[in-house]
């Protein structure tokens, strides 16, 4: 299912008290749909789509996702890919929802600069995650090291605005927004 530029804000209120369940939905992509954290909790984290494997959310303000839920959040057991790009997520939200995805392999959190803003919060344990995309999240090498201890299987990590740290892992990848050989004044 794909929704782009739809005004779906307030979906949680519309679904309140209704039984909505689709056994066959495997992918859900919602871009610039004005969803709130509560809308996403109600739609995705209520076991409405037990076969869901791929969720892509983009361009929404999901601050507080999983932190102030008025309903019990349920695991999305089949989810393999979770992308929440440009959704105003911080470490607290990631810590709250990622444990609900026990089979997660691919985590894409591009464009969430609040992820790099907290030295006091760790990242959740992510034993199954293999690919992580954290470009434009204002993370530095220290953040990367913290993230790596939380995701021991991750062999592909995409970052920006950081300097590579020494790694013995095969497949360590760092993307930077700066071009090599640039004429920076600091050089």
C-alpha atoms as a PDB file:
ATOM      1  CA  UNK A   1       0.000   0.000   0.000  1.00  0.00           C
ATOM      2  CA  UNK A   2       1.397   3.397  -0.952  1.00  0.00           C
ATOM      3  CA  UNK A   3       0.161   6.754   0.300  1.00  0.00           C
ATOM      4  CA  UNK A   4       1.898   9.958  -0.808  1.00  0.00           C
ATOM      5  CA  UNK A   5       0.857  13.509   0.063  1.00  0.00           C
ATOM      6  CA  UNK A   6      -2.391  12.264   1.579  1.00  0.00           C
ATOM      7  CA  UNK A   7      -3.721  14.059   4.621  1.00  0.00           C
ATOM      8  CA  UNK A   8      -4.053  11.110   6.980  1.00  0.00           C
ATOM      9  CA  UNK A   9      -3.386  12.941  10.249  1.00  0.00           C
ATOM     10  CA  UNK A  10      -5.892  11.925  12.901  1.00  0.00           C
ATOM     11  CA  UNK A  11      -6.035   8.341  11.691  1.00  0.00           C
ATOM     12  CA  UNK A  12      -5.785   7.117  15.291  1.00  0.00           C
ATOM     13  CA  UNK A  13      -9.097   8.760  16.176  1.00  0.00           C
ATOM     14  CA  UNK A  14     -10.765   7.355  13.057  1.00  0.00           C
ATOM     15  CA  UNK A  15      -9.580   3.825  13.893  1.00  0.00           C
ATOM     16  CA  UNK A  16     -10.417   4.004  17.608  1.00  0.00           C
ATOM     17  CA  UNK A  17     -12.623   1.097  18.578  1.00  0.00           C
ATOM     18  CA  UNK A  18     -12.604  -0.378  15.065  1.00  0.00           C
ATOM     19  CA  UNK A  19     -11.264  -3.752  14.126  1.00  0.00           C
ATOM     20  CA  UNK A  20      -9.069  -3.345  11.080  1.00  0.00           C
ATOM     21  CA  UNK A  21      -7.005  -6.356  10.145  1.00  0.00           C
ATOM     22  CA  UNK A  22      -5.434  -7.394   6.863  1.00  0.00           C
ATOM     23  CA  UNK A  23      -3.622 -10.720   6.861  1.00  0.00           C
ATOM     24  CA  UNK A  24      -1.995 -10.258   3.443  1.00  0.00           C
ATOM     25  CA  UNK A  25      -0.508  -6.732   3.545  1.00  0.00           C
ATOM     26  CA  UNK A  26       3.289  -7.063   3.332  1.00  0.00           C
ATOM     27  CA  UNK A  27       4.410  -3.508   2.601  1.00  0.00           C
ATOM     28  CA  UNK A  28       3.261  -0.061   3.689  1.00  0.00           C
ATOM     29  CA  UNK A  29       4.768   3.194   2.430  1.00  0.00           C
ATOM     30  CA  UNK A  30       3.530   6.541   3.688  1.00  0.00           C
ATOM     31  CA  UNK A  31       5.219   9.780   2.631  1.00  0.00           C
ATOM     32  CA  UNK A  32       4.265  13.294   3.696  1.00  0.00           C
ATOM     33  CA  UNK A  33       0.915  12.089   5.024  1.00  0.00           C
ATOM     34  CA  UNK A  34       0.823  14.240   8.187  1.00  0.00           C
ATOM     35  CA  UNK A  35       0.659  11.221  10.479  1.00  0.00           C
ATOM     36  CA  UNK A  36       1.399  11.699  14.160  1.00  0.00           C
ATOM     37  CA  UNK A  37       3.161   9.310  16.521  1.00  0.00           C
ATOM     38  CA  UNK A  38      -0.232   8.186  17.844  1.00  0.00           C
ATOM     39  CA  UNK A  39      -1.467   7.514  14.278  1.00  0.00           C
ATOM     40  CA  UNK A  40       1.546   5.281  13.569  1.00  0.00           C
ATOM     41  CA  UNK A  41       1.159   3.465  16.887  1.00  0.00           C
ATOM     42  CA  UNK A  42      -2.507   2.780  16.102  1.00  0.00           C
ATOM     43  CA  UNK A  43      -1.934   1.738  12.506  1.00  0.00           C
ATOM     44  CA  UNK A  44       1.297  -0.257  12.647  1.00  0.00           C
ATOM     45  CA  UNK A  45       1.884  -1.258  16.266  1.00  0.00           C
ATOM     46  CA  UNK A  46      -1.502  -2.874  16.983  1.00  0.00           C
ATOM     47  CA  UNK A  47      -1.116  -6.213  15.158  1.00  0.00           C
ATOM     48  CA  UNK A  48      -3.425  -5.094  12.357  1.00  0.00           C
ATOM     49  CA  UNK A  49      -1.093  -6.424   9.642  1.00  0.00           C
ATOM     50  CA  UNK A  50       0.518  -9.669  10.867  1.00  0.00           C
ATOM     51  CA  UNK A  51       2.322 -10.323   7.542  1.00  0.00           C
ATOM     52  CA  UNK A  52       3.845  -6.828   7.335  1.00  0.00           C
ATOM     53  CA  UNK A  53       7.496  -7.055   6.282  1.00  0.00           C
ATOM     54  CA  UNK A  54       8.326  -3.568   5.021  1.00  0.00           C
ATOM     55  CA  UNK A  55       7.385  -0.157   6.459  1.00  0.00           C
ATOM     56  CA  UNK A  56       8.565   3.123   4.948  1.00  0.00           C
ATOM     57  CA  UNK A  57       7.554   6.355   6.682  1.00  0.00           C
ATOM     58  CA  UNK A  58       8.867   9.685   5.442  1.00  0.00           C
ATOM     59  CA  UNK A  59       8.366  13.371   6.104  1.00  0.00           C
ATOM     60  CA  UNK A  60       6.283  13.223   9.285  1.00  0.00           C
ATOM     61  CA  UNK A  61       6.700  14.435  12.843  1.00  0.00           C
ATOM     62  CA  UNK A  62       6.774  11.239  14.892  1.00  0.00           C
ATOM     63  CA  UNK A  63       8.319  12.720  18.023  1.00  0.00           C
ATOM     64  CA  UNK A  64       7.123  10.663  20.995  1.00  0.00           C
ATOM     65  CA  UNK A  65       6.562   7.463  18.972  1.00  0.00           C
ATOM     66  CA  UNK A  66       6.169   4.613  21.457  1.00  0.00           C
ATOM     67  CA  UNK A  67       6.712   6.873  24.468  1.00  0.00           C
ATOM     68  CA  UNK A  68       3.204   7.990  25.364  1.00  0.00           C
ATOM     69  CA  UNK A  69       1.104   5.268  23.818  1.00  0.00           C
ATOM     70  CA  UNK A  70      -2.452   5.171  25.111  1.00  0.00           C
ATOM     71  CA  UNK A  71      -2.831   1.601  23.896  1.00  0.00           C
ATOM     72  CA  UNK A  72      -0.566  -1.393  24.412  1.00  0.00           C
ATOM     73  CA  UNK A  73       1.984  -1.574  21.599  1.00  0.00           C
ATOM     74  CA  UNK A  74       2.330  -4.980  19.987  1.00  0.00           C
ATOM     75  CA  UNK A  75       5.265  -6.556  18.189  1.00  0.00           C
ATOM     76  CA  UNK A  76       5.382  -6.631  14.402  1.00  0.00           C
ATOM     77  CA  UNK A  77       6.991 -10.064  14.239  1.00  0.00           C
ATOM     78  CA  UNK A  78       7.515 -10.380  10.474  1.00  0.00           C
ATOM     79  CA  UNK A  79       8.908  -6.871   9.890  1.00  0.00           C
ATOM     80  CA  UNK A  80      12.278  -7.041   8.098  1.00  0.00           C
ATOM     81  CA  UNK A  81      12.707  -3.397   6.998  1.00  0.00           C
ATOM     82  CA  UNK A  82      11.767  -0.273   8.946  1.00  0.00           C
ATOM     83  CA  UNK A  83      12.449   3.112   7.391  1.00  0.00           C
ATOM     84  CA  UNK A  84      11.507   6.303   9.200  1.00  0.00           C
ATOM     85  CA  UNK A  85      13.181   9.078   7.246  1.00  0.00           C
ATOM     86  CA  UNK A  86      12.867  12.743   8.159  1.00  0.00           C
ATOM     87  CA  UNK A  87      10.456  11.854  10.970  1.00  0.00           C
ATOM     88  CA  UNK A  88      11.955  13.817  13.893  1.00  0.00           C
ATOM     89  CA  UNK A  89      12.931  10.684  15.810  1.00  0.00           C
ATOM     90  CA  UNK A  90      15.391  10.669  18.694  1.00  0.00           C
ATOM     91  CA  UNK A  91      17.038   7.872  20.616  1.00  0.00           C
ATOM     92  CA  UNK A  92      14.126   7.607  23.059  1.00  0.00           C
ATOM     93  CA  UNK A  93      11.688   6.813  20.240  1.00  0.00           C
ATOM     94  CA  UNK A  94      14.114   4.324  18.662  1.00  0.00           C
ATOM     95  CA  UNK A  95      14.591   2.619  22.032  1.00  0.00           C
ATOM     96  CA  UNK A  96      10.814   2.349  22.422  1.00  0.00           C
ATOM     97  CA  UNK A  97       9.883   0.876  19.031  1.00  0.00           C
ATOM     98  CA  UNK A  98      12.835  -1.107  17.636  1.00  0.00           C
ATOM     99  CA  UNK A  99      12.434  -3.920  20.219  1.00  0.00           C
ATOM    100  CA  UNK A 100       8.933  -4.453  18.764  1.00  0.00           C
ATOM    101  CA  UNK A 101      10.559  -5.667  15.511  1.00  0.00           C
ATOM    102  CA  UNK A 102      12.327  -8.916  16.521  1.00  0.00           C
ATOM    103  CA  UNK A 103      13.118  -9.995  12.926  1.00  0.00           C
ATOM    104  CA  UNK A 104      14.390  -6.589  11.726  1.00  0.00           C
ATOM    105  CA  UNK A 105      17.266  -6.752   9.229  1.00  0.00           C
ATOM    106  CA  UNK A 106      17.306  -3.315   7.586  1.00  0.00           C
ATOM    107  CA  UNK A 107      16.941  -0.098   9.614  1.00  0.00           C
ATOM    108  CA  UNK A 108      16.819   3.253   7.793  1.00  0.00           C
ATOM    109  CA  UNK A 109      16.621   6.368   9.944  1.00  0.00           C
ATOM    110  CA  UNK A 110      18.014   9.016   7.559  1.00  0.00           C
ATOM    111  CA  UNK A 111      17.321  12.653   8.300  1.00  0.00           C
ATOM    112  CA  UNK A 112      16.641  12.367  12.026  1.00  0.00           C
ATOM    113  CA  UNK A 113      19.228  14.728  13.558  1.00  0.00           C
ATOM    114  CA  UNK A 114      17.899  14.190  17.090  1.00  0.00           C
ATOM    115  CA  UNK A 115      19.491  10.720  16.998  1.00  0.00           C
ATOM    116  CA  UNK A 116      22.921  12.289  17.384  1.00  0.00           C
ATOM    117  CA  UNK A 117      21.955  14.774  20.051  1.00  0.00           C
ATOM    118  CA  UNK A 118      21.916  12.632  23.190  1.00  0.00           C
ATOM    119  CA  UNK A 119      25.019  11.353  24.906  1.00  0.00           C
ATOM    120  CA  UNK A 120      22.986  10.056  27.845  1.00  0.00           C
ATOM    121  CA  UNK A 121      20.771   7.599  25.953  1.00  0.00           C
ATOM    122  CA  UNK A 122      22.042   4.381  24.444  1.00  0.00           C
ATOM    123  CA  UNK A 123      20.585   2.587  21.462  1.00  0.00           C
ATOM    124  CA  UNK A 124      18.370  -0.511  21.803  1.00  0.00           C
ATOM    125  CA  UNK A 125      19.773  -4.011  21.416  1.00  0.00           C
ATOM    126  CA  UNK A 126      19.337  -4.999  17.747  1.00  0.00           C
ATOM    127  CA  UNK A 127      20.739  -8.522  17.366  1.00  0.00           C
ATOM    128  CA  UNK A 128      19.246  -9.204  13.908  1.00  0.00           C
ATOM    129  CA  UNK A 129      19.962  -5.884  12.152  1.00  0.00           C
ATOM    130  CA  UNK A 130      22.473  -6.190   9.302  1.00  0.00           C
ATOM    131  CA  UNK A 131      22.081  -2.891   7.435  1.00  0.00           C
ATOM    132  CA  UNK A 132      21.755   0.512   9.101  1.00  0.00           C
ATOM    133  CA  UNK A 133      21.344   3.831   7.304  1.00  0.00           C
ATOM    134  CA  UNK A 134      21.883   6.850   9.549  1.00  0.00           C
ATOM    135  CA  UNK A 135      22.800   9.505   7.008  1.00  0.00           C
ATOM    136  CA  UNK A 136      21.985  13.065   8.062  1.00  0.00           C
ATOM    137  CA  UNK A 137      21.450  12.133  11.701  1.00  0.00           C
ATOM    138  CA  UNK A 138      24.184  14.377  13.149  1.00  0.00           C
ATOM    139  CA  UNK A 139      26.050  11.381  14.536  1.00  0.00           C
ATOM    140  CA  UNK A 140      29.764  11.329  15.197  1.00  0.00           C
ATOM    141  CA  UNK A 141      32.296   8.525  15.580  1.00  0.00           C
ATOM    142  CA  UNK A 142      31.384   8.082  19.254  1.00  0.00           C
ATOM    143  CA  UNK A 143      27.722   7.637  18.300  1.00  0.00           C
ATOM    144  CA  UNK A 144      28.727   5.103  15.662  1.00  0.00           C
ATOM    145  CA  UNK A 145      30.679   3.097  18.221  1.00  0.00           C
ATOM    146  CA  UNK A 146      27.633   3.060  20.535  1.00  0.00           C
ATOM    147  CA  UNK A 147      25.405   2.007  17.673  1.00  0.00           C
ATOM    148  CA  UNK A 148      27.762  -0.802  16.651  1.00  0.00           C
ATOM    149  CA  UNK A 149      27.704  -2.342  20.137  1.00  0.00           C
ATOM    150  CA  UNK A 150      23.900  -2.403  19.895  1.00  0.00           C
ATOM    151  CA  UNK A 151      23.864  -4.102  16.478  1.00  0.00           C
ATOM    152  CA  UNK A 152      26.586  -6.775  16.453  1.00  0.00           C
ATOM    153  CA  UNK A 153      25.526  -8.260  13.071  1.00  0.00           C
ATOM    154  CA  UNK A 154      25.545  -4.920  11.236  1.00  0.00           C
ATOM    155  CA  UNK A 155      28.145  -5.116   8.519  1.00  0.00           C
ATOM    156  CA  UNK A 156      26.827  -2.247   6.412  1.00  0.00           C
ATOM    157  CA  UNK A 157      26.499   1.082   8.153  1.00  0.00           C
ATOM    158  CA  UNK A 158      25.857   4.282   6.231  1.00  0.00           C
ATOM    159  CA  UNK A 159      26.605   7.574   7.924  1.00  0.00           C
ATOM    160  CA  UNK A 160      27.396  11.132   6.949  1.00  0.00           C
ATOM    161  CA  UNK A 161      29.298  13.999   8.549  1.00  0.00           C
ATOM    162  CA  UNK A 162      31.594  11.659  10.470  1.00  0.00           C
ATOM    163  CA  UNK A 163      35.171  10.619  10.217  1.00  0.00           C
ATOM    164  CA  UNK A 164      35.731   6.868   9.824  1.00  0.00           C
ATOM    165  CA  UNK A 165      36.787   5.064  12.964  1.00  0.00           C
ATOM    166  CA  UNK A 166      39.167   2.146  12.925  1.00  0.00           C
ATOM    167  CA  UNK A 167      37.253  -1.061  12.439  1.00  0.00           C
ATOM    168  CA  UNK A 168      38.189  -4.683  12.022  1.00  0.00           C
ATOM    169  CA  UNK A 169      34.755  -5.510  10.593  1.00  0.00           C
ATOM    170  CA  UNK A 170      34.483  -6.454   6.961  1.00  0.00           C
ATOM    171  CA  UNK A 171      31.982  -4.330   5.085  1.00  0.00           C
ATOM    172  CA  UNK A 172      32.345  -1.203   7.221  1.00  0.00           C
ATOM    173  CA  UNK A 173      31.164   1.628   5.008  1.00  0.00           C
ATOM    174  CA  UNK A 174      31.059   5.320   5.793  1.00  0.00           C
ATOM    175  CA  UNK A 175      29.482   7.775   3.380  1.00  0.00           C
ATOM    176  CA  UNK A 176      30.374  11.416   3.811  1.00  0.00           C
ATOM    177  CA  UNK A 177      28.728  14.455   2.292  1.00  0.00           C
ATOM    178  CA  UNK A 178      32.073  16.128   1.733  1.00  0.00           C
ATOM    179  CA  UNK A 179      33.974  15.484  -1.477  1.00  0.00           C
ATOM    180  CA  UNK A 180      37.575  14.343  -1.251  1.00  0.00           C
ATOM    181  CA  UNK A 181      40.091  16.979  -2.211  1.00  0.00           C
ATOM    182  CA  UNK A 182      37.821  19.887  -1.321  1.00  0.00           C
ATOM    183  CA  UNK A 183      39.341  23.280  -0.591  1.00  0.00           C
ATOM    184  CA  UNK A 184      38.296  23.572   3.036  1.00  0.00           C
ATOM    185  CA  UNK A 185      39.913  26.391   5.010  1.00  0.00           C
ATOM    186  CA  UNK A 186      40.712  23.988   7.856  1.00  0.00           C
ATOM    187  CA  UNK A 187      43.062  21.902   5.752  1.00  0.00           C
END
